């Protein structure tokens, strides 16, 4: 846990109470005691410094004093992901949350086994829990919206002309890498980007054409064949690098 993530209803003015496993982690794993600083954040709001002010009996309750909250900007990255094998789903959700994703759409596809939709890992509470763990790992506070779709057509909609943002489908047959797909007058480091990842083995040609007709740019991630969870990590990492190297967002006009 790299960030103690507090729920808004756990905070009263400048004080928060932490109980149960998180209290045990603070005291037993991180070795925090009275007077020690804690890196904290409030879900959906921002980061704030914190300090342990009291420890309850049997180390099951920790009281914190919070400093000013520094608002955190909501991520501008969205993912469309063909539903992966249940064993890897939790890792991917945690990864996406830890790298800053605003929305994750999990979709069916020709190469997605329909049985995957019956996995308990798709239960909303489990998805939310995995995303929460990812935020704690990445030190972020904005929980991604997690949506499940049976059919690809439910989520692949035509890109509206002049809407801004960039839509990229990763496909092994593509010739260009991500930087080429992001080039354009509207691209800047804070632009909205939608990244689409297929299942192991990729989308079938008809599905790729669906994305192409909707206005998605095609890009390749690597000369190597990547498993889904590796592809997601590589894609998000490449996007982070592209954002860092891009020009700043244009200044808003002033009156």
Protein backbone atom coordinates (compact mmCIF):
# COMPACT_ATOMS: atom_id res chain seq x y z
CA UNK A 1 0.00 0.00 0.00
CA UNK A 2 1.76 3.15 -1.25
CA UNK A 3 -1.21 5.38 -0.42
CA UNK A 4 -3.73 5.25 2.41
CA UNK A 5 -6.92 5.82 0.44
CA UNK A 6 -9.71 7.24 2.57
CA UNK A 7 -13.39 7.34 1.70
CA UNK A 8 -15.00 10.78 1.99
CA UNK A 9 -17.35 9.54 4.75
CA UNK A 10 -14.32 8.43 6.81
CA UNK A 11 -13.16 12.04 7.05
CA UNK A 12 -14.57 14.54 9.52
CA UNK A 13 -12.99 17.98 9.13
CA UNK A 14 -9.27 17.30 9.52
CA UNK A 15 -9.55 13.89 11.21
CA UNK A 16 -9.94 10.34 9.91
CA UNK A 17 -10.37 7.00 11.67
CA UNK A 18 -8.92 3.84 10.08
CA UNK A 19 -9.85 0.40 11.37
CA UNK A 20 -9.40 -3.27 10.50
CA UNK A 21 -6.87 -4.50 7.89
CA UNK A 22 -5.73 -1.00 6.90
CA UNK A 23 -4.96 -0.13 10.52
CA UNK A 24 -3.05 -3.40 10.88
CA UNK A 25 -1.12 -2.62 7.68
CA UNK A 26 -0.20 0.87 8.86
CA UNK A 27 1.08 -0.40 12.18
CA UNK A 28 2.37 -3.89 11.42
CA UNK A 29 3.70 -3.62 7.87
CA UNK A 30 4.58 0.08 7.58
CA UNK A 31 5.57 0.33 11.23
CA UNK A 32 3.79 3.63 11.85
CA UNK A 33 3.42 5.04 15.36
CA UNK A 34 2.02 8.15 16.98
CA UNK A 35 3.52 11.23 15.37
CA UNK A 36 4.57 9.46 12.17
CA UNK A 37 3.60 10.87 8.76
CA UNK A 38 1.37 8.90 6.40
CA UNK A 39 0.84 9.46 2.68
CA UNK A 40 -2.92 9.69 2.31
CA UNK A 41 -5.58 10.60 -0.21
CA UNK A 42 -9.35 11.01 -0.27
CA UNK A 43 -11.16 9.00 -2.93
CA UNK A 44 -12.30 11.19 -5.80
CA UNK A 45 -10.77 14.35 -4.34
CA UNK A 46 -7.00 14.50 -3.94
CA UNK A 47 -3.89 13.84 -1.89
CA UNK A 48 -3.22 15.13 1.60
CA UNK A 49 -0.50 14.76 4.23
CA UNK A 50 -1.53 12.88 7.36
CA UNK A 51 -0.11 12.12 10.79
CA UNK A 52 -0.92 9.35 13.25
CA UNK A 53 -2.34 10.96 16.39
CA UNK A 54 -3.67 7.95 18.34
CA UNK A 55 -3.67 4.15 18.24
CA UNK A 56 -6.61 2.19 19.61
CA UNK A 57 -6.55 -0.83 21.84
CA UNK A 58 -5.18 -4.04 20.22
CA UNK A 59 -3.91 -1.93 17.28
CA UNK A 60 -7.26 -2.23 15.55
CA UNK A 61 -7.93 1.51 15.22
CA UNK A 62 -5.76 4.40 14.08
CA UNK A 63 -6.66 8.08 14.29
CA UNK A 64 -5.12 10.48 11.78
CA UNK A 65 -4.87 14.23 11.53
CA UNK A 66 -5.11 15.37 7.90
CA UNK A 67 -3.50 18.33 6.23
CA UNK A 68 -4.86 20.37 3.30
CA UNK A 69 -6.15 18.36 0.35
CA UNK A 70 -4.41 18.98 -2.97
CA UNK A 71 -7.01 18.30 -5.69
CA UNK A 72 -6.04 15.63 -8.23
CA UNK A 73 -6.97 15.96 -11.88
CA UNK A 74 -9.15 13.18 -13.27
CA UNK A 75 -7.30 10.88 -15.72
CA UNK A 76 -7.84 11.40 -19.44
CA UNK A 77 -7.23 7.81 -20.56
CA UNK A 78 -9.99 5.29 -21.34
CA UNK A 79 -9.56 1.62 -22.22
CA UNK A 80 -11.63 -0.78 -24.28
CA UNK A 81 -10.49 -4.31 -23.50
CA UNK A 82 -11.69 -7.63 -24.84
CA UNK A 83 -12.58 -9.56 -21.69
CA UNK A 84 -9.45 -11.50 -20.69
CA UNK A 85 -9.14 -14.82 -18.91
CA UNK A 86 -10.53 -14.47 -15.36
CA UNK A 87 -7.14 -15.36 -13.87
CA UNK A 88 -5.60 -12.23 -15.38
CA UNK A 89 -8.59 -9.90 -15.07
CA UNK A 90 -7.90 -8.74 -11.51
CA UNK A 91 -4.26 -7.96 -12.35
CA UNK A 92 -5.30 -5.92 -15.39
CA UNK A 93 -7.92 -3.93 -13.45
CA UNK A 94 -5.37 -3.17 -10.74
CA UNK A 95 -2.80 -2.19 -13.35
CA UNK A 96 -5.22 0.11 -15.17
CA UNK A 97 -6.20 1.88 -11.95
CA UNK A 98 -2.59 2.25 -10.80
CA UNK A 99 -1.58 3.90 -14.11
CA UNK A 100 -4.49 6.32 -14.20
CA UNK A 101 -7.48 5.21 -16.28
CA UNK A 102 -10.80 7.07 -16.16
CA UNK A 103 -12.93 4.32 -17.70
CA UNK A 104 -12.45 0.63 -18.52
CA UNK A 105 -14.95 -1.06 -20.85
CA UNK A 106 -14.69 -4.87 -20.80
CA UNK A 107 -16.24 -6.31 -23.96
CA UNK A 108 -17.03 -9.58 -25.67
CA UNK A 109 -15.39 -10.52 -28.97
CA UNK A 110 -15.15 -13.45 -31.35
CA UNK A 111 -12.14 -14.92 -29.48
CA UNK A 112 -13.56 -14.27 -26.00
CA UNK A 113 -14.91 -17.40 -24.33
CA UNK A 114 -18.55 -16.68 -23.29
CA UNK A 115 -17.87 -18.58 -20.05
CA UNK A 116 -15.64 -15.68 -18.93
CA UNK A 117 -18.77 -13.60 -18.33
CA UNK A 118 -19.78 -16.00 -15.55
CA UNK A 119 -16.61 -15.41 -13.54
CA UNK A 120 -17.07 -14.04 -9.99
CA UNK A 121 -14.18 -11.69 -10.78
CA UNK A 122 -16.66 -9.69 -12.89
CA UNK A 123 -18.89 -8.96 -9.92
CA UNK A 124 -19.05 -5.17 -9.46
CA UNK A 125 -17.78 -5.39 -5.87
CA UNK A 126 -14.76 -7.46 -6.95
CA UNK A 127 -13.96 -5.10 -9.83
CA UNK A 128 -14.22 -2.12 -7.51
CA UNK A 129 -12.01 -3.81 -4.90
CA UNK A 130 -9.34 -4.59 -7.51
CA UNK A 131 -9.44 -1.00 -8.80
CA UNK A 132 -9.14 0.29 -5.23
CA UNK A 133 -6.00 -1.82 -4.71
CA UNK A 134 -4.58 -0.38 -7.93
CA UNK A 135 -5.14 3.17 -6.73
CA UNK A 136 -3.35 2.42 -3.45
CA UNK A 137 -0.43 0.96 -5.40
CA UNK A 138 -0.21 3.85 -7.87
CA UNK A 139 -0.85 6.62 -5.36
CA UNK A 140 -3.95 7.87 -7.21
CA UNK A 141 -7.44 8.80 -6.01
CA UNK A 142 -9.85 8.57 -8.96
CA UNK A 143 -11.62 5.22 -9.21
CA UNK A 144 -12.16 4.24 -12.85
CA UNK A 145 -15.64 3.57 -14.14
CA UNK A 146 -15.84 -0.16 -14.92
CA UNK A 147 -18.44 -1.31 -17.45
CA UNK A 148 -19.07 -4.79 -18.92
CA UNK A 149 -20.52 -5.31 -22.42
CA UNK A 150 -21.44 -8.58 -24.09
CA UNK A 151 -21.09 -7.22 -27.62
CA UNK A 152 -18.39 -5.09 -29.20
CA UNK A 153 -20.94 -2.98 -31.07
CA UNK A 154 -22.17 -1.63 -27.73
CA UNK A 155 -18.95 0.27 -27.14
CA UNK A 156 -17.39 0.95 -30.56
CA UNK A 157 -19.20 4.05 -31.72
CA UNK A 158 -18.17 6.43 -34.51
CA UNK A 159 -15.71 9.09 -33.41
CA UNK A 160 -17.47 12.43 -33.72
CA UNK A 161 -15.74 14.86 -36.06
CA UNK A 162 -14.16 17.74 -34.15
CA UNK A 163 -14.77 16.08 -30.78
CA UNK A 164 -11.05 16.09 -29.95
CA UNK A 165 -9.14 13.26 -28.37
CA UNK A 166 -7.51 10.28 -30.05
CA UNK A 167 -8.80 6.72 -30.49
CA UNK A 168 -6.24 3.96 -31.01
CA UNK A 169 -6.70 0.24 -31.69
CA UNK A 170 -3.64 -1.92 -31.12
CA UNK A 171 -3.40 -4.54 -33.84
CA UNK A 172 -0.41 -6.74 -34.78
CA UNK A 173 -0.96 -6.04 -38.50
CA UNK A 174 -0.59 -2.26 -38.08
CA UNK A 175 2.53 -0.58 -39.49
CA UNK A 176 2.75 2.49 -37.25
CA UNK A 177 3.66 2.66 -33.56
CA UNK A 178 1.69 4.70 -31.05
CA UNK A 179 3.52 8.04 -31.54
CA UNK A 180 2.43 8.14 -35.19
CA UNK A 181 -1.19 7.40 -34.21
CA UNK A 182 -1.16 10.30 -31.76
CA UNK A 183 0.20 12.89 -34.19
CA UNK A 184 -2.21 15.63 -35.12
CA UNK A 185 -3.08 19.25 -34.35
CA UNK A 186 -5.36 18.30 -31.45
CA UNK A 187 -2.79 16.14 -29.65
CA UNK A 188 -1.36 17.48 -26.38
CA UNK A 189 -0.32 15.93 -23.10
CA UNK A 190 -3.74 16.36 -21.45
CA UNK A 191 -5.83 15.18 -24.42
CA UNK A 192 -8.37 12.40 -23.96
CA UNK A 193 -7.15 9.11 -25.40
CA UNK A 194 -9.10 5.88 -25.89
CA UNK A 195 -6.96 2.73 -26.24
CA UNK A 196 -8.50 -0.53 -27.48
CA UNK A 197 -6.91 -3.93 -26.83
CA UNK A 198 -8.03 -7.23 -28.33
CA UNK A 199 -8.00 -10.69 -26.75
CA UNK A 200 -5.03 -13.05 -26.90
CA UNK A 201 -4.68 -13.61 -30.63
CA UNK A 202 -6.19 -10.22 -31.49
CA UNK A 203 -9.52 -9.14 -32.94
CA UNK A 204 -10.69 -10.92 -36.09
CA UNK A 205 -10.59 -8.87 -39.36
CA UNK A 206 -14.28 -7.99 -39.19
CA UNK A 207 -13.82 -6.55 -35.69
CA UNK A 208 -10.75 -4.58 -36.76
CA UNK A 209 -12.78 -3.14 -39.63
CA UNK A 210 -15.49 -2.13 -37.15
CA UNK A 211 -12.95 -0.05 -35.25
CA UNK A 212 -11.47 1.35 -38.46
CA UNK A 213 -14.87 2.48 -39.74
CA UNK A 214 -15.57 4.12 -36.38
CA UNK A 215 -12.49 6.32 -36.81
CA UNK A 216 -9.86 4.51 -34.74
CA UNK A 217 -6.19 4.78 -35.68
CA UNK A 218 -4.37 1.44 -35.86
CA UNK A 219 -1.04 1.02 -34.10
CA UNK A 220 1.34 -1.76 -33.16
CA UNK A 221 2.93 -2.15 -29.74
CA UNK A 222 5.86 -4.45 -30.39
CA UNK A 223 7.44 -6.81 -32.88
CA UNK A 224 6.81 -9.52 -30.29
CA UNK A 225 3.50 -11.26 -29.67
CA UNK A 226 2.25 -10.06 -26.28
CA UNK A 227 -0.24 -11.55 -23.87
CA UNK A 228 -3.16 -9.29 -23.03
CA UNK A 229 -1.98 -8.15 -19.61
CA UNK A 230 1.51 -7.44 -20.97
CA UNK A 231 0.05 -5.51 -23.91
CA UNK A 232 -2.02 -3.34 -21.56
CA UNK A 233 1.05 -2.54 -19.45
CA UNK A 234 3.16 -1.74 -22.52
CA UNK A 235 0.40 0.36 -24.11
CA UNK A 236 -0.25 2.45 -21.01
CA UNK A 237 3.48 2.87 -20.45
CA UNK A 238 4.02 4.07 -24.02
CA UNK A 239 1.12 6.49 -23.69
CA UNK A 240 2.57 7.92 -20.47
CA UNK A 241 5.87 8.54 -22.26
CA UNK A 242 4.09 10.17 -25.21
CA UNK A 243 2.17 12.42 -22.82
CA UNK A 244 5.37 13.53 -21.11
CA UNK A 245 6.99 14.41 -24.44
CA UNK A 246 3.90 16.14 -25.91
CA UNK A 247 3.23 19.86 -26.00
CA UNK A 248 1.18 21.36 -23.14
CA UNK A 249 -2.56 21.80 -23.44
CA UNK A 250 -3.52 25.06 -25.18
CA UNK A 251 -4.28 27.92 -22.83
CA UNK A 252 -7.94 28.73 -22.33
CA UNK A 253 -9.03 32.03 -23.90
CA UNK A 254 -9.39 34.95 -21.54
CA UNK A 255 -11.97 37.70 -21.72
